[in-house]
Amino acid sequence: MQDTKLPIYWQRALVVAGIITIFPATTTAQTAPNIGDNAMAEHPYVGMWVTKDGLIRHELLPNNRYDEARGERKSAYQGRYQVTGNYIEYWDDTGFTADGEFIDGVLYHGGMVLYRNKE
């Protein structure tokens, strides 16, 4: 009998607005970054990222936490993140996971396009 188990990279996937996002088949505990330190303090991606219309504001904090505001709703989503090269993984405090990629100074995340806030 042939083994029909999917490769590890297909074991967890999310489809949002026609975009397939693949998540590693690992537990949060295995991949979670260290929390409580400022290991990312000097990282070039730390800071505020916003959509062109300014409705979504995504702040990457130096302690590997993020705080996302949507419209008038401050701290709509919070959690932790880990950057590996230009790839970013998120673990929301509610258990939701997501990822994104930095390309030419732009953050592509969950179907959104966010730009570095210059202020």
C-alpha atoms as a PDB file:
ATOM      1  CA  MET A   1       0.000   0.000   0.000  1.00  0.00           C
ATOM      2  CA  GLN A   2       1.357   3.413  -0.947  1.00  0.00           C
ATOM      3  CA  ASP A   3       1.844   6.033   1.791  1.00  0.00           C
ATOM      4  CA  THR A   4      -0.450   8.974   0.981  1.00  0.00           C
ATOM      5  CA  LYS A   5       0.776  11.291   3.737  1.00  0.00           C
ATOM      6  CA  LEU A   6       1.336  14.799   2.420  1.00  0.00           C
ATOM      7  CA  PRO A   7       4.794  16.377   2.632  1.00  0.00           C
ATOM      8  CA  ILE A   8       5.343  18.305   5.839  1.00  0.00           C
ATOM      9  CA  TYR A   9       5.054  21.690   4.109  1.00  0.00           C
ATOM     10  CA  TRP A  10       1.513  20.855   2.906  1.00  0.00           C
ATOM     11  CA  GLN A  11       0.230  19.565   6.230  1.00  0.00           C
ATOM     12  CA  ARG A  12      -0.945  23.023   7.366  1.00  0.00           C
ATOM     13  CA  ALA A  13      -2.248  25.563   4.884  1.00  0.00           C
ATOM     14  CA  LEU A  14      -4.589  28.545   4.935  1.00  0.00           C
ATOM     15  CA  VAL A  15      -6.390  29.919   1.928  1.00  0.00           C
ATOM     16  CA  VAL A  16      -7.443  33.561   2.208  1.00  0.00           C
ATOM     17  CA  ALA A  17      -8.754  35.510  -0.770  1.00  0.00           C
ATOM     18  CA  GLY A  18      -7.327  32.917  -3.140  1.00  0.00           C
ATOM     19  CA  ILE A  19      -3.824  33.129  -1.643  1.00  0.00           C
ATOM     20  CA  ILE A  20      -2.422  29.914  -0.238  1.00  0.00           C
ATOM     21  CA  THR A  21      -0.250  30.366   2.819  1.00  0.00           C
ATOM     22  CA  ILE A  22       1.788  27.358   3.918  1.00  0.00           C
ATOM     23  CA  PHE A  23       2.724  26.927   7.558  1.00  0.00           C
ATOM     24  CA  PRO A  24       5.352  24.552   8.908  1.00  0.00           C
ATOM     25  CA  ALA A  25       3.853  21.484  10.557  1.00  0.00           C
ATOM     26  CA  THR A  26       5.514  22.277  13.850  1.00  0.00           C
ATOM     27  CA  THR A  27       4.082  23.369  17.143  1.00  0.00           C
ATOM     28  CA  THR A  28       4.247  26.931  18.366  1.00  0.00           C
ATOM     29  CA  ALA A  29       6.448  25.830  21.243  1.00  0.00           C
ATOM     30  CA  GLN A  30       9.042  24.505  18.809  1.00  0.00           C
ATOM     31  CA  THR A  31       9.236  27.644  16.700  1.00  0.00           C
ATOM     32  CA  ALA A  32       8.277  30.426  19.111  1.00  0.00           C
ATOM     33  CA  PRO A  33      10.880  33.163  19.497  1.00  0.00           C
ATOM     34  CA  ASN A  34      12.254  34.221  22.845  1.00  0.00           C
ATOM     35  CA  ILE A  35       9.891  36.674  24.478  1.00  0.00           C
ATOM     36  CA  GLY A  36      10.818  39.405  26.937  1.00  0.00           C
ATOM     37  CA  ASP A  37      14.197  40.417  25.575  1.00  0.00           C
ATOM     38  CA  ASN A  38      15.101  43.040  23.032  1.00  0.00           C
ATOM     39  CA  ALA A  39      16.904  40.689  20.661  1.00  0.00           C
ATOM     40  CA  MET A  40      15.373  42.485  17.671  1.00  0.00           C
ATOM     41  CA  ALA A  41      16.198  46.019  18.895  1.00  0.00           C
ATOM     42  CA  GLU A  42      18.631  46.709  16.038  1.00  0.00           C
ATOM     43  CA  HIS A  43      16.824  44.702  13.360  1.00  0.00           C
ATOM     44  CA  PRO A  44      15.930  46.769  10.265  1.00  0.00           C
ATOM     45  CA  TYR A  45      12.335  45.445  10.148  1.00  0.00           C
ATOM     46  CA  VAL A  46      11.433  46.531  13.697  1.00  0.00           C
ATOM     47  CA  GLY A  47       9.045  49.478  13.698  1.00  0.00           C
ATOM     48  CA  MET A  48       5.699  50.545  12.294  1.00  0.00           C
ATOM     49  CA  TRP A  49       4.343  49.254   8.986  1.00  0.00           C
ATOM     50  CA  VAL A  50       1.132  50.672   7.482  1.00  0.00           C
ATOM     51  CA  THR A  51      -1.152  50.103   4.518  1.00  0.00           C
ATOM     52  CA  LYS A  52      -1.332  52.921   1.947  1.00  0.00           C
ATOM     53  CA  ASP A  53      -4.692  54.045   3.303  1.00  0.00           C
ATOM     54  CA  GLY A  54      -3.346  53.998   6.881  1.00  0.00           C
ATOM     55  CA  LEU A  55      -6.185  51.789   8.132  1.00  0.00           C
ATOM     56  CA  ILE A  56      -3.937  48.920   9.181  1.00  0.00           C
ATOM     57  CA  ARG A  57      -0.928  49.699  11.336  1.00  0.00           C
ATOM     58  CA  HIS A  58       1.379  46.844  12.179  1.00  0.00           C
ATOM     59  CA  GLU A  59       4.075  47.536  14.771  1.00  0.00           C
ATOM     60  CA  LEU A  60       6.938  45.055  15.070  1.00  0.00           C
ATOM     61  CA  LEU A  61       8.349  45.545  18.564  1.00  0.00           C
ATOM     62  CA  PRO A  62      11.986  44.838  19.522  1.00  0.00           C
ATOM     63  CA  ASN A  63      10.977  42.080  21.982  1.00  0.00           C
ATOM     64  CA  ASN A  64       9.573  39.850  19.192  1.00  0.00           C
ATOM     65  CA  ARG A  65       6.003  40.994  19.855  1.00  0.00           C
ATOM     66  CA  TYR A  66       3.697  42.755  17.424  1.00  0.00           C
ATOM     67  CA  ASP A  67       0.689  45.001  17.880  1.00  0.00           C
ATOM     68  CA  GLU A  68      -1.707  45.495  14.977  1.00  0.00           C
ATOM     69  CA  ALA A  69      -4.277  48.308  14.875  1.00  0.00           C
ATOM     70  CA  ARG A  70      -7.179  48.427  12.439  1.00  0.00           C
ATOM     71  CA  GLY A  71      -8.983  51.693  11.843  1.00  0.00           C
ATOM     72  CA  GLU A  72      -9.999  53.140  15.203  1.00  0.00           C
ATOM     73  CA  ARG A  73      -9.384  49.821  16.933  1.00  0.00           C
ATOM     74  CA  LYS A  74      -5.992  49.953  18.647  1.00  0.00           C
ATOM     75  CA  SER A  75      -4.350  46.640  19.522  1.00  0.00           C
ATOM     76  CA  ALA A  76      -6.859  44.713  17.404  1.00  0.00           C
ATOM     77  CA  TYR A  77      -4.367  41.842  17.205  1.00  0.00           C
ATOM     78  CA  GLN A  78      -1.304  41.104  19.297  1.00  0.00           C
ATOM     79  CA  GLY A  79       1.154  38.272  19.392  1.00  0.00           C
ATOM     80  CA  ARG A  80       4.718  37.293  18.702  1.00  0.00           C
ATOM     81  CA  TYR A  81       6.769  37.085  15.544  1.00  0.00           C
ATOM     82  CA  GLN A  82      10.027  35.682  14.242  1.00  0.00           C
ATOM     83  CA  VAL A  83      12.009  36.951  11.265  1.00  0.00           C
ATOM     84  CA  THR A  84      14.240  34.609   9.283  1.00  0.00           C
ATOM     85  CA  GLY A  85      15.918  36.472   6.460  1.00  0.00           C
ATOM     86  CA  ASN A  86      13.065  38.226   4.643  1.00  0.00           C
ATOM     87  CA  TYR A  87      10.409  35.785   5.884  1.00  0.00           C
ATOM     88  CA  ILE A  88       8.251  36.582   8.939  1.00  0.00           C
ATOM     89  CA  GLU A  89       6.072  34.204  10.946  1.00  0.00           C
ATOM     90  CA  TYR A  90       3.356  35.341  13.356  1.00  0.00           C
ATOM     91  CA  TRP A  91       1.679  33.633  16.305  1.00  0.00           C
ATOM     92  CA  ASP A  92      -1.370  35.632  17.410  1.00  0.00           C
ATOM     93  CA  ASP A  93      -2.249  35.445  21.111  1.00  0.00           C
ATOM     94  CA  THR A  94      -5.571  33.834  20.125  1.00  0.00           C
ATOM     95  CA  GLY A  95      -3.753  30.955  18.378  1.00  0.00           C
ATOM     96  CA  PHE A  96      -3.992  32.172  14.770  1.00  0.00           C
ATOM     97  CA  THR A  97      -0.803  31.830  12.738  1.00  0.00           C
ATOM     98  CA  ALA A  98       0.264  33.722   9.643  1.00  0.00           C
ATOM     99  CA  ASP A  99       3.327  34.639   7.671  1.00  0.00           C
ATOM    100  CA  GLY A 100       4.639  37.282   5.345  1.00  0.00           C
ATOM    101  CA  GLU A 101       7.615  38.398   3.333  1.00  0.00           C
ATOM    102  CA  PHE A 102       9.634  41.580   3.027  1.00  0.00           C
ATOM    103  CA  ILE A 103      10.432  42.376  -0.599  1.00  0.00           C
ATOM    104  CA  ASP A 104      12.235  45.577  -1.600  1.00  0.00           C
ATOM    105  CA  GLY A 105      11.262  47.380   1.606  1.00  0.00           C
ATOM    106  CA  VAL A 106       7.601  46.333   1.472  1.00  0.00           C
ATOM    107  CA  LEU A 107       5.861  43.861   3.811  1.00  0.00           C
ATOM    108  CA  TYR A 108       3.438  41.448   2.137  1.00  0.00           C
ATOM    109  CA  HIS A 109       1.287  39.838   4.819  1.00  0.00           C
ATOM    110  CA  GLY A 110      -2.120  38.136   4.694  1.00  0.00           C
ATOM    111  CA  GLY A 111      -3.084  39.696   1.368  1.00  0.00           C
ATOM    112  CA  MET A 112      -2.076  43.149   2.623  1.00  0.00           C
ATOM    113  CA  VAL A 113       0.737  45.388   1.442  1.00  0.00           C
ATOM    114  CA  LEU A 114       2.367  47.400   4.232  1.00  0.00           C
ATOM    115  CA  TYR A 115       4.981  50.118   3.934  1.00  0.00           C
ATOM    116  CA  ARG A 116       7.499  51.386   6.468  1.00  0.00           C
ATOM    117  CA  ASN A 117       6.056  54.323   8.388  1.00  0.00           C
ATOM    118  CA  LYS A 118       8.516  57.192   7.931  1.00  0.00           C
ATOM    119  CA  GLU A 119       7.337  59.150  11.008  1.00  0.00           C
END
